[in-house]
PDB file of N, CA and C in Angstrom:
ATOM      1  N   MET A   1       0.848  -1.168   0.000  1.00  0.00           N
ATOM      2  CA  MET A   1       0.000   0.000   0.000  1.00  0.00           C
ATOM      3  C   MET A   1       0.893   1.229   0.000  1.00  0.00           C
ATOM      4  N   GLU A   2       0.580   2.155  -0.873  1.00  0.00           N
ATOM      5  CA  GLU A   2       1.334   3.403  -0.938  1.00  0.00           C
ATOM      6  C   GLU A   2       0.784   4.365   0.099  1.00  0.00           C
ATOM      7  N   TRP A   3       1.691   5.046   0.793  1.00  0.00           N
ATOM      8  CA  TRP A   3       1.290   5.964   1.845  1.00  0.00           C
ATOM      9  C   TRP A   3       1.506   7.392   1.375  1.00  0.00           C
ATOM     10  N   GLU A   4       0.452   8.177   1.241  1.00  0.00           N
ATOM     11  CA  GLU A   4       0.537   9.541   0.725  1.00  0.00           C
ATOM     12  C   GLU A   4       0.321  10.609   1.787  1.00  0.00           C
ATOM     13  N   ASP A   5      -0.231  10.245   2.930  1.00  0.00           N
ATOM     14  CA  ASP A   5      -0.612  11.234   3.930  1.00  0.00           C
ATOM     15  C   ASP A   5       0.455  11.358   5.005  1.00  0.00           C
ATOM     16  N   ALA A   6       1.354  12.323   4.838  1.00  0.00           N
ATOM     17  CA  ALA A   6       2.433  12.512   5.802  1.00  0.00           C
ATOM     18  C   ALA A   6       1.921  13.075   7.129  1.00  0.00           C
ATOM     19  N   GLY A   7       0.708  13.633   7.123  1.00  0.00           N
ATOM     20  CA  GLY A   7       0.157  14.213   8.332  1.00  0.00           C
ATOM     21  C   GLY A   7      -0.567  13.223   9.228  1.00  0.00           C
ATOM     22  N   MET A   8      -0.779  11.995   8.740  1.00  0.00           N
ATOM     23  CA  MET A   8      -1.493  11.001   9.541  1.00  0.00           C
ATOM     24  C   MET A   8      -0.492  10.003  10.139  1.00  0.00           C
ATOM     25  N   ASP A   9      -0.678   9.722  11.398  1.00  0.00           N
ATOM     26  CA  ASP A   9       0.174   8.737  12.064  1.00  0.00           C
ATOM     27  C   ASP A   9      -0.057   7.369  11.438  1.00  0.00           C
ATOM     28  N   ARG A  10       1.013   6.698  11.044  1.00  0.00           N
ATOM     29  CA  ARG A  10       0.868   5.406  10.350  1.00  0.00           C
ATOM     30  C   ARG A  10       0.259   4.335  11.239  1.00  0.00           C
ATOM     31  N   LEU A  11       0.415   4.453  12.550  1.00  0.00           N
ATOM     32  CA  LEU A  11      -0.177   3.459  13.445  1.00  0.00           C
ATOM     33  C   LEU A  11      -1.697   3.596  13.499  1.00  0.00           C
ATOM     34  N   HIS A  12      -2.202   4.742  13.118  1.00  0.00           N
ATOM     35  CA  HIS A  12      -3.655   4.935  13.018  1.00  0.00           C
ATOM     36  C   HIS A  12      -4.125   4.650  11.601  1.00  0.00           C
ATOM     37  N   GLY A  13      -3.415   5.156  10.624  1.00  0.00           N
ATOM     38  CA  GLY A  13      -3.844   5.059   9.230  1.00  0.00           C
ATOM     39  C   GLY A  13      -3.691   3.683   8.614  1.00  0.00           C
ATOM     40  N   ALA A  14      -2.646   2.964   8.968  1.00  0.00           N
ATOM     41  CA  ALA A  14      -2.412   1.645   8.360  1.00  0.00           C
ATOM     42  C   ALA A  14      -3.537   0.654   8.676  1.00  0.00           C
ATOM     43  N   PRO A  15      -3.973   0.507   9.914  1.00  0.00           N
ATOM     44  CA  PRO A  15      -5.097  -0.407  10.180  1.00  0.00           C
ATOM     45  C   PRO A  15      -6.381   0.023   9.472  1.00  0.00           C
ATOM     46  N   GLU A  16      -6.591   1.334   9.375  1.00  0.00           N
ATOM     47  CA  GLU A  16      -7.770   1.840   8.676  1.00  0.00           C
ATOM     48  C   GLU A  16      -7.706   1.467   7.193  1.00  0.00           C
ATOM     49  N   ALA A  17      -6.536   1.645   6.573  1.00  0.00           N
ATOM     50  CA  ALA A  17      -6.364   1.303   5.163  1.00  0.00           C
ATOM     51  C   ALA A  17      -6.513  -0.201   4.945  1.00  0.00           C
ATOM     52  N   LEU A  18      -5.978  -0.996   5.837  1.00  0.00           N
ATOM     53  CA  LEU A  18      -6.088  -2.450   5.726  1.00  0.00           C
ATOM     54  C   LEU A  18      -7.546  -2.895   5.795  1.00  0.00           C
ATOM     55  N   ALA A  19      -8.299  -2.309   6.700  1.00  0.00           N
ATOM     56  CA  ALA A  19      -9.716  -2.654   6.814  1.00  0.00           C
ATOM     57  C   ALA A  19     -10.456  -2.303   5.528  1.00  0.00           C
ATOM     58  N   TYR A  20     -10.098  -1.180   4.914  1.00  0.00           N
ATOM     59  CA  TYR A  20     -10.737  -0.777   3.661  1.00  0.00           C
ATOM     60  C   TYR A  20     -10.429  -1.778   2.553  1.00  0.00           C
ATOM     61  N   VAL A  21      -9.158  -2.163   2.419  1.00  0.00           N
ATOM     62  CA  VAL A  21      -8.754  -3.105   1.373  1.00  0.00           C
ATOM     63  C   VAL A  21      -9.403  -4.467   1.597  1.00  0.00           C
ATOM     64  N   ARG A  22      -9.457  -4.908   2.818  1.00  0.00           N
ATOM     65  CA  ARG A  22     -10.124  -6.192   3.109  1.00  0.00           C
ATOM     66  C   ARG A  22     -11.609  -6.119   2.757  1.00  0.00           C
ATOM     67  N   GLY A  23     -12.210  -4.976   2.929  1.00  0.00           N
ATOM     68  CA  GLY A  23     -13.609  -4.798   2.580  1.00  0.00           C
ATOM     69  C   GLY A  23     -13.849  -4.904   1.081  1.00  0.00           C
ATOM     70  N   LEU A  24     -12.857  -4.568   0.283  1.00  0.00           N
ATOM     71  CA  LEU A  24     -12.989  -4.683  -1.169  1.00  0.00           C
ATOM     72  C   LEU A  24     -13.145  -6.136  -1.600  1.00  0.00           C
ATOM     73  N   ASN A  25     -12.626  -7.034  -0.805  1.00  0.00           N
ATOM     74  CA  ASN A  25     -12.726  -8.458  -1.109  1.00  0.00           C
ATOM     75  C   ASN A  25     -14.174  -8.940  -1.047  1.00  0.00           C
ATOM     76  N   ALA A  26     -15.033  -8.197  -0.391  1.00  0.00           N
ATOM     77  CA  ALA A  26     -16.432  -8.588  -0.238  1.00  0.00           C
ATOM     78  C   ALA A  26     -17.268  -8.240  -1.476  1.00  0.00           C
ATOM     79  N   ILE A  27     -16.677  -7.505  -2.419  1.00  0.00           N
ATOM     80  CA  ILE A  27     -17.404  -7.123  -3.631  1.00  0.00           C
ATOM     81  C   ILE A  27     -17.557  -8.344  -4.526  1.00  0.00           C
ATOM     82  N   THR A  28     -18.769  -8.629  -4.927  1.00  0.00           N
ATOM     83  CA  THR A  28     -19.039  -9.762  -5.797  1.00  0.00           C
ATOM     84  C   THR A  28     -18.866  -9.328  -7.253  1.00  0.00           C
ATOM     85  N   PRO A  29     -17.997  -9.985  -7.996  1.00  0.00           N
ATOM     86  CA  PRO A  29     -17.813  -9.600  -9.395  1.00  0.00           C
ATOM     87  C   PRO A  29     -19.054  -9.924 -10.217  1.00  0.00           C
ATOM     88  N   PRO A  30     -19.279  -9.197 -11.294  1.00  0.00           N
ATOM     89  CA  PRO A  30     -20.448  -9.469 -12.130  1.00  0.00           C
ATOM     90  C   PRO A  30     -20.333 -10.836 -12.793  1.00  0.00           C
ATOM     91  N   THR A  31     -21.469 -11.433 -13.099  1.00  0.00           N
ATOM     92  CA  THR A  31     -21.463 -12.752 -13.735  1.00  0.00           C
ATOM     93  C   THR A  31     -21.373 -12.655 -15.250  1.00  0.00           C
ATOM     94  N   ALA A  32     -21.747 -11.514 -15.829  1.00  0.00           N
ATOM     95  CA  ALA A  32     -21.694 -11.347 -17.283  1.00  0.00           C
ATOM     96  C   ALA A  32     -20.315 -10.851 -17.703  1.00  0.00           C
ATOM     97  N   ALA A  33     -19.871 -11.317 -18.842  1.00  0.00           N
ATOM     98  CA  ALA A  33     -18.608 -10.839 -19.386  1.00  0.00           C
ATOM     99  C   ALA A  33     -18.787  -9.418 -19.908  1.00  0.00           C
ATOM    100  N   PHE A  34     -17.750  -8.633 -19.857  1.00  0.00           N
ATOM    101  CA  PHE A  34     -17.823  -7.246 -20.316  1.00  0.00           C
ATOM    102  C   PHE A  34     -18.253  -7.174 -21.776  1.00  0.00           C
ATOM    103  N   ASP A  35     -17.673  -7.997 -22.620  1.00  0.00           N
ATOM    104  CA  ASP A  35     -17.987  -7.976 -24.047  1.00  0.00           C
ATOM    105  C   ASP A  35     -19.438  -8.351 -24.337  1.00  0.00           C
ATOM    106  N   ALA A  36     -20.066  -9.107 -23.440  1.00  0.00           N
ATOM    107  CA  ALA A  36     -21.444  -9.525 -23.649  1.00  0.00           C
ATOM    108  C   ALA A  36     -22.396  -8.322 -23.656  1.00  0.00           C
ATOM    109  N   ALA A  37     -22.020  -7.250 -22.994  1.00  0.00           N
ATOM    110  CA  ALA A  37     -22.862  -6.066 -22.970  1.00  0.00           C
ATOM    111  C   ALA A  37     -22.979  -5.431 -24.343  1.00  0.00           C
ATOM    112  N   PHE A  38     -22.032  -5.714 -25.237  1.00  0.00           N
ATOM    113  CA  PHE A  38     -22.024  -5.123 -26.574  1.00  0.00           C
ATOM    114  C   PHE A  38     -22.447  -6.119 -27.645  1.00  0.00           C
ATOM    115  N   SER A  39     -22.933  -7.269 -27.212  1.00  0.00           N
ATOM    116  CA  SER A  39     -23.353  -8.300 -28.146  1.00  0.00           C
ATOM    117  C   SER A  39     -24.629  -7.858 -28.868  1.00  0.00           C
ATOM    118  N   SER A  40     -24.749  -8.224 -30.127  1.00  0.00           N
ATOM    119  CA  SER A  40     -25.936  -7.842 -30.896  1.00  0.00           C
ATOM    120  C   SER A  40     -26.939  -8.989 -30.964  1.00  0.00           C
ATOM    121  N   ASP A  41     -26.817  -9.957 -30.083  1.00  0.00           N
ATOM    122  CA  ASP A  41     -27.724 -11.115 -30.083  1.00  0.00           C
ATOM    123  C   ASP A  41     -29.121 -10.732 -29.726  1.00  0.00           C
TER     124      ASP A  41
END
């Protein structure tokens, strides 16, 4: 993880960032393929 906020204490910000990234894992990917949206069927 890249750290851009020099004003935030890393001991506070790092756990917050980790929780955010772990939350991204809960996103369910779409079942349709991207190209299928442009199909002329």
